[in-house]
Amino acid sequence: MDTKLTLKLEKEVIEKAKEYASAQRRSLSSLVESYLKSLVTKENPESDPEISPYVKSLKTGVKVPANLDPKEVYSDFLAEKYK
């Protein structure tokens, strides 16, 4: 059930937040709600954070070794590329 909430914020902050929300194609209310949910989740470590559908779509199923050194892999890639 949705409930109305009134907040007092600086006018400039509200304007910038509205611009940001518009650029994200979201409402300001949904941004505030997401932020408040993230705060509540941090206080309750037993609950798992919600993963967005976009992030889930990036899942490849590739297992990355725990001892992988990204700098070494990138260095090897560049060495191979510029042979």
Protein backbone atom coordinates (compact mmCIF):
# COMPACT_ATOMS: atom_id res chain seq x y z
CA MET A 1 0.00 0.00 0.00
CA ASP A 2 1.43 3.37 -1.01
CA THR A 3 1.40 6.23 1.48
CA LYS A 4 2.11 9.90 0.82
CA LEU A 5 5.22 11.45 2.39
CA THR A 6 6.10 15.15 2.53
CA LEU A 7 9.77 16.15 2.65
CA LYS A 8 11.44 19.52 3.09
CA LEU A 9 14.56 19.81 0.93
CA GLU A 10 16.60 22.58 -0.65
CA LYS A 11 15.05 23.77 -3.90
CA GLU A 12 18.29 23.18 -5.85
CA VAL A 13 18.52 19.61 -4.59
CA ILE A 14 14.95 18.92 -5.68
CA GLU A 15 15.57 20.38 -9.15
CA LYS A 16 18.73 18.33 -9.68
CA ALA A 17 17.03 15.20 -8.35
CA LYS A 18 14.13 15.70 -10.77
CA GLU A 19 16.57 16.08 -13.68
CA TYR A 20 18.39 12.92 -12.62
CA ALA A 21 15.15 10.97 -12.25
CA SER A 22 14.01 12.14 -15.67
CA ALA A 23 17.30 11.09 -17.25
CA GLN A 24 16.88 7.66 -15.63
CA ARG A 25 13.26 7.49 -16.86
CA ARG A 26 12.06 7.03 -13.30
CA SER A 27 9.93 9.05 -10.97
CA LEU A 28 11.52 10.93 -8.13
CA SER A 29 9.31 8.96 -5.75
CA SER A 30 10.67 5.64 -7.03
CA LEU A 31 14.27 6.88 -6.63
CA VAL A 32 13.62 7.95 -3.04
CA GLU A 33 11.86 4.67 -2.30
CA SER A 34 14.78 2.67 -3.76
CA TYR A 35 17.25 4.64 -1.68
CA LEU A 36 15.27 4.15 1.52
CA LYS A 37 14.95 0.44 0.79
CA SER A 38 18.74 0.22 0.39
CA LEU A 39 19.18 1.83 3.81
CA VAL A 40 16.77 -0.59 5.43
CA THR A 41 18.47 -3.55 3.71
CA LYS A 42 21.87 -2.50 5.08
CA GLU A 43 20.47 -2.54 8.58
CA ASN A 44 19.00 -6.00 8.02
CA PRO A 45 21.91 -8.15 6.70
CA GLU A 46 19.75 -11.28 6.66
CA SER A 47 17.78 -10.06 3.64
CA ASP A 48 19.38 -10.40 0.20
CA PRO A 49 19.60 -7.24 -1.91
CA GLU A 50 17.36 -7.19 -4.95
CA ILE A 51 19.25 -7.60 -8.23
CA SER A 52 17.86 -5.67 -11.17
CA PRO A 53 16.76 -7.57 -14.29
CA TYR A 54 19.45 -5.76 -16.30
CA VAL A 55 22.23 -6.96 -14.01
CA LYS A 56 20.78 -10.48 -14.09
CA SER A 57 20.89 -10.36 -17.90
CA LEU A 58 24.66 -9.83 -17.75
CA LYS A 59 25.16 -13.23 -16.13
CA THR A 60 27.35 -15.41 -18.37
CA GLY A 61 27.83 -18.53 -16.30
CA VAL A 62 31.62 -18.26 -16.66
CA LYS A 63 33.51 -19.24 -13.51
CA VAL A 64 36.36 -16.87 -12.67
CA PRO A 65 39.27 -18.36 -10.69
CA ALA A 66 39.73 -16.84 -7.24
CA ASN A 67 43.43 -16.16 -7.85
CA LEU A 68 42.91 -14.37 -11.19
CA ASP A 69 45.08 -11.26 -11.57
CA PRO A 70 43.21 -8.80 -13.84
CA LYS A 71 46.36 -6.78 -14.58
CA GLU A 72 48.21 -9.89 -15.73
CA VAL A 73 45.30 -10.98 -17.92
CA TYR A 74 45.10 -7.52 -19.50
CA SER A 75 48.86 -7.42 -20.01
CA ASP A 76 48.73 -10.82 -21.75
CA PHE A 77 45.84 -9.60 -23.90
CA LEU A 78 47.77 -6.51 -25.01
CA ALA A 79 50.92 -8.52 -25.68
CA GLU A 80 48.93 -10.89 -27.91
CA LYS A 81 47.07 -8.06 -29.63
CA TYR A 82 50.22 -6.14 -30.58
CA LYS A 83 52.43 -9.07 -31.63
